[in-house]
Amino acid sequence: MADTTIEWTDATWNPVAGCTILTAGCTNCYAMRMAARLEGMGMEKYHGLT
């Protein structure tokens, strides 16, 4: 879990990582950019994900 500045909670948790590309529309999805960003920050959970 990670601390957050969201006013209605103290911490957040994301149990899911990555996605499966299904259509051309997936190119515009935030999940691919987020996985690349988190991998770049050294988070092994996101290594090699799209």
C-alpha atoms as a PDB file:
ATOM      1  CA  MET A   1       0.000   0.000   0.000  1.00  0.00           C
ATOM      2  CA  ALA A   2       1.079   3.554  -0.611  1.00  0.00           C
ATOM      3  CA  ASP A   3       0.270   6.771   1.209  1.00  0.00           C
ATOM      4  CA  THR A   4      -1.913   9.152  -0.772  1.00  0.00           C
ATOM      5  CA  THR A   5      -3.211  12.707  -0.753  1.00  0.00           C
ATOM      6  CA  ILE A   6      -6.716  11.549  -1.722  1.00  0.00           C
ATOM      7  CA  GLU A   7      -8.892  13.267   0.866  1.00  0.00           C
ATOM      8  CA  TRP A   8     -11.181  10.321   1.601  1.00  0.00           C
ATOM      9  CA  THR A   9      -8.506   7.645   2.199  1.00  0.00           C
ATOM     10  CA  ASP A  10      -5.108   7.213   3.820  1.00  0.00           C
ATOM     11  CA  ALA A  11      -3.583   4.696   1.418  1.00  0.00           C
ATOM     12  CA  THR A  12      -4.179   3.002  -1.942  1.00  0.00           C
ATOM     13  CA  TRP A  13      -3.369  -0.431  -3.373  1.00  0.00           C
ATOM     14  CA  ASN A  14      -3.442  -1.721  -6.939  1.00  0.00           C
ATOM     15  CA  PRO A  15      -3.399  -5.536  -7.089  1.00  0.00           C
ATOM     16  CA  VAL A  16      -3.443  -5.597 -10.915  1.00  0.00           C
ATOM     17  CA  ALA A  17      -0.525  -4.843 -13.249  1.00  0.00           C
ATOM     18  CA  GLY A  18      -0.454  -4.689 -17.032  1.00  0.00           C
ATOM     19  CA  CYS A  19      -3.019  -5.432 -19.693  1.00  0.00           C
ATOM     20  CA  THR A  20      -3.595  -7.332 -22.907  1.00  0.00           C
ATOM     21  CA  ILE A  21      -3.725  -5.386 -26.163  1.00  0.00           C
ATOM     22  CA  LEU A  22      -7.020  -6.242 -27.856  1.00  0.00           C
ATOM     23  CA  THR A  23      -7.748  -3.428 -30.333  1.00  0.00           C
ATOM     24  CA  ALA A  24      -6.072  -0.433 -31.962  1.00  0.00           C
ATOM     25  CA  GLY A  25      -7.832   1.719 -29.351  1.00  0.00           C
ATOM     26  CA  CYS A  26      -5.561   0.219 -26.702  1.00  0.00           C
ATOM     27  CA  THR A  27      -2.764   2.414 -28.074  1.00  0.00           C
ATOM     28  CA  ASN A  28      -4.385   5.408 -26.370  1.00  0.00           C
ATOM     29  CA  CYS A  29      -4.909   3.699 -23.005  1.00  0.00           C
ATOM     30  CA  TYR A  30      -3.197   5.142 -19.939  1.00  0.00           C
ATOM     31  CA  ALA A  31      -2.203   1.661 -18.669  1.00  0.00           C
ATOM     32  CA  MET A  32       0.606   1.204 -21.206  1.00  0.00           C
ATOM     33  CA  ARG A  33       2.161   4.566 -20.348  1.00  0.00           C
ATOM     34  CA  MET A  34       1.738   3.953 -16.622  1.00  0.00           C
ATOM     35  CA  ALA A  35       3.381   0.509 -16.785  1.00  0.00           C
ATOM     36  CA  ALA A  36       6.343   1.956 -18.722  1.00  0.00           C
ATOM     37  CA  ARG A  37       6.694   4.815 -16.233  1.00  0.00           C
ATOM     38  CA  LEU A  38       6.599   2.522 -13.205  1.00  0.00           C
ATOM     39  CA  GLU A  39       9.042   0.090 -14.814  1.00  0.00           C
ATOM     40  CA  GLY A  40      11.381   3.039 -15.412  1.00  0.00           C
ATOM     41  CA  MET A  41      11.151   3.843 -11.706  1.00  0.00           C
ATOM     42  CA  GLY A  42      12.541   0.362 -10.965  1.00  0.00           C
ATOM     43  CA  MET A  43       9.306  -1.374 -10.004  1.00  0.00           C
ATOM     44  CA  GLU A  44       9.943  -4.981 -11.083  1.00  0.00           C
ATOM     45  CA  LYS A  45       6.211  -5.797 -10.988  1.00  0.00           C
ATOM     46  CA  TYR A  46       5.863  -3.788 -14.225  1.00  0.00           C
ATOM     47  CA  HIS A  47       8.912  -5.161 -16.103  1.00  0.00           C
ATOM     48  CA  GLY A  48       7.978  -6.180 -19.652  1.00  0.00           C
ATOM     49  CA  LEU A  49       4.294  -5.280 -19.374  1.00  0.00           C
ATOM     50  CA  THR A  50       2.425  -3.423 -22.082  1.00  0.00           C
END
